[in-house]
Amino acid sequence: GNAPEKSDVTLTLTTASKKTSIVELKEMTNHFGGGVSLEEKGTYTFTITVKVGSRYNEMSFPYEVK
């Protein structure tokens, strides 16, 4: 059989005050995980970049902390 392709997942977190941090999500048994702290109030932007082999996929979504 073929070995599964290596995948990397990165989360870019942009705070309401436009501070950016990058979290490399670690592969766990059936999911990816990483520590993120949302201390500021306002709308954050989460941008998730997934690289599988030589293919990239990226998606962004807002998240509001009240």
C-alpha atoms as a PDB file:
ATOM      1  CA  GLY A   1       0.000   0.000   0.000  1.00  0.00           C
ATOM      2  CA  ASN A   2       0.919   3.614  -0.314  1.00  0.00           C
ATOM      3  CA  ALA A   3       2.134   5.504   2.743  1.00  0.00           C
ATOM      4  CA  PRO A   4      -0.229   8.353   3.730  1.00  0.00           C
ATOM      5  CA  GLU A   5       0.903  11.786   2.578  1.00  0.00           C
ATOM      6  CA  LYS A   6       2.362  14.025   5.254  1.00  0.00           C
ATOM      7  CA  SER A   7       0.064  16.868   6.226  1.00  0.00           C
ATOM      8  CA  ASP A   8       0.836  20.152   7.983  1.00  0.00           C
ATOM      9  CA  VAL A   9      -1.819  22.412   9.480  1.00  0.00           C
ATOM     10  CA  THR A  10      -1.065  25.998  10.495  1.00  0.00           C
ATOM     11  CA  LEU A  11      -3.412  28.428  12.229  1.00  0.00           C
ATOM     12  CA  THR A  12      -2.793  32.150  11.758  1.00  0.00           C
ATOM     13  CA  LEU A  13      -4.683  34.066  14.436  1.00  0.00           C
ATOM     14  CA  THR A  14      -5.252  37.811  13.986  1.00  0.00           C
ATOM     15  CA  THR A  15      -6.639  39.674  17.000  1.00  0.00           C
ATOM     16  CA  ALA A  16      -9.062  42.591  16.925  1.00  0.00           C
ATOM     17  CA  SER A  17      -6.063  44.934  17.356  1.00  0.00           C
ATOM     18  CA  LYS A  18      -4.362  43.286  14.326  1.00  0.00           C
ATOM     19  CA  LYS A  19      -1.721  41.343  16.281  1.00  0.00           C
ATOM     20  CA  THR A  20      -0.898  38.122  14.455  1.00  0.00           C
ATOM     21  CA  SER A  21       0.341  34.849  15.863  1.00  0.00           C
ATOM     22  CA  ILE A  22       0.989  31.568  14.100  1.00  0.00           C
ATOM     23  CA  VAL A  23       0.261  28.228  15.754  1.00  0.00           C
ATOM     24  CA  GLU A  24       1.425  24.970  14.195  1.00  0.00           C
ATOM     25  CA  LEU A  25      -1.271  22.448  14.928  1.00  0.00           C
ATOM     26  CA  LYS A  26       0.105  19.047  15.881  1.00  0.00           C
ATOM     27  CA  GLU A  27      -1.337  15.881  14.434  1.00  0.00           C
ATOM     28  CA  MET A  28      -3.068  13.787  17.079  1.00  0.00           C
ATOM     29  CA  THR A  29      -4.866  10.466  16.678  1.00  0.00           C
ATOM     30  CA  ASN A  30      -7.863  11.678  14.650  1.00  0.00           C
ATOM     31  CA  HIS A  31      -7.519  15.470  14.787  1.00  0.00           C
ATOM     32  CA  PHE A  32      -5.135  18.397  15.067  1.00  0.00           C
ATOM     33  CA  GLY A  33      -4.652  20.436  18.260  1.00  0.00           C
ATOM     34  CA  GLY A  34      -2.791  23.478  19.513  1.00  0.00           C
ATOM     35  CA  GLY A  35      -2.958  25.998  22.322  1.00  0.00           C
ATOM     36  CA  VAL A  36      -4.700  29.276  21.557  1.00  0.00           C
ATOM     37  CA  SER A  37      -5.642  31.985  24.038  1.00  0.00           C
ATOM     38  CA  LEU A  38      -8.318  34.586  23.241  1.00  0.00           C
ATOM     39  CA  GLU A  39      -7.736  37.245  25.889  1.00  0.00           C
ATOM     40  CA  GLU A  40      -8.737  40.331  23.878  1.00  0.00           C
ATOM     41  CA  LYS A  41     -12.364  41.245  23.284  1.00  0.00           C
ATOM     42  CA  GLY A  42     -13.433  41.826  19.678  1.00  0.00           C
ATOM     43  CA  THR A  43     -13.397  39.919  16.421  1.00  0.00           C
ATOM     44  CA  TYR A  44     -10.551  37.538  15.683  1.00  0.00           C
ATOM     45  CA  THR A  45      -9.750  36.126  12.268  1.00  0.00           C
ATOM     46  CA  PHE A  46      -8.720  32.480  12.107  1.00  0.00           C
ATOM     47  CA  THR A  47      -6.900  31.465   8.914  1.00  0.00           C
ATOM     48  CA  ILE A  48      -6.243  27.757   8.635  1.00  0.00           C
ATOM     49  CA  THR A  49      -3.727  26.542   6.057  1.00  0.00           C
ATOM     50  CA  VAL A  50      -3.610  22.818   5.311  1.00  0.00           C
ATOM     51  CA  LYS A  51      -0.755  21.353   3.269  1.00  0.00           C
ATOM     52  CA  VAL A  52      -1.047  17.753   2.142  1.00  0.00           C
ATOM     53  CA  GLY A  53       1.860  16.599   0.014  1.00  0.00           C
ATOM     54  CA  SER A  54       2.362  19.493  -2.428  1.00  0.00           C
ATOM     55  CA  ARG A  55      -1.256  20.747  -2.261  1.00  0.00           C
ATOM     56  CA  TYR A  56      -2.393  23.714  -0.161  1.00  0.00           C
ATOM     57  CA  ASN A  57      -5.866  24.645   0.993  1.00  0.00           C
ATOM     58  CA  GLU A  58      -6.680  27.732   3.058  1.00  0.00           C
ATOM     59  CA  MET A  59      -9.818  29.044   4.729  1.00  0.00           C
ATOM     60  CA  SER A  60     -10.560  31.990   6.990  1.00  0.00           C
ATOM     61  CA  PHE A  61     -13.412  32.735   9.348  1.00  0.00           C
ATOM     62  CA  PRO A  62     -14.193  35.376  11.985  1.00  0.00           C
ATOM     63  CA  TYR A  63     -14.789  34.625  15.653  1.00  0.00           C
ATOM     64  CA  GLU A  64     -16.097  37.218  18.110  1.00  0.00           C
ATOM     65  CA  VAL A  65     -15.078  37.344  21.772  1.00  0.00           C
ATOM     66  CA  LYS A  66     -17.543  39.376  23.851  1.00  0.00           C
END
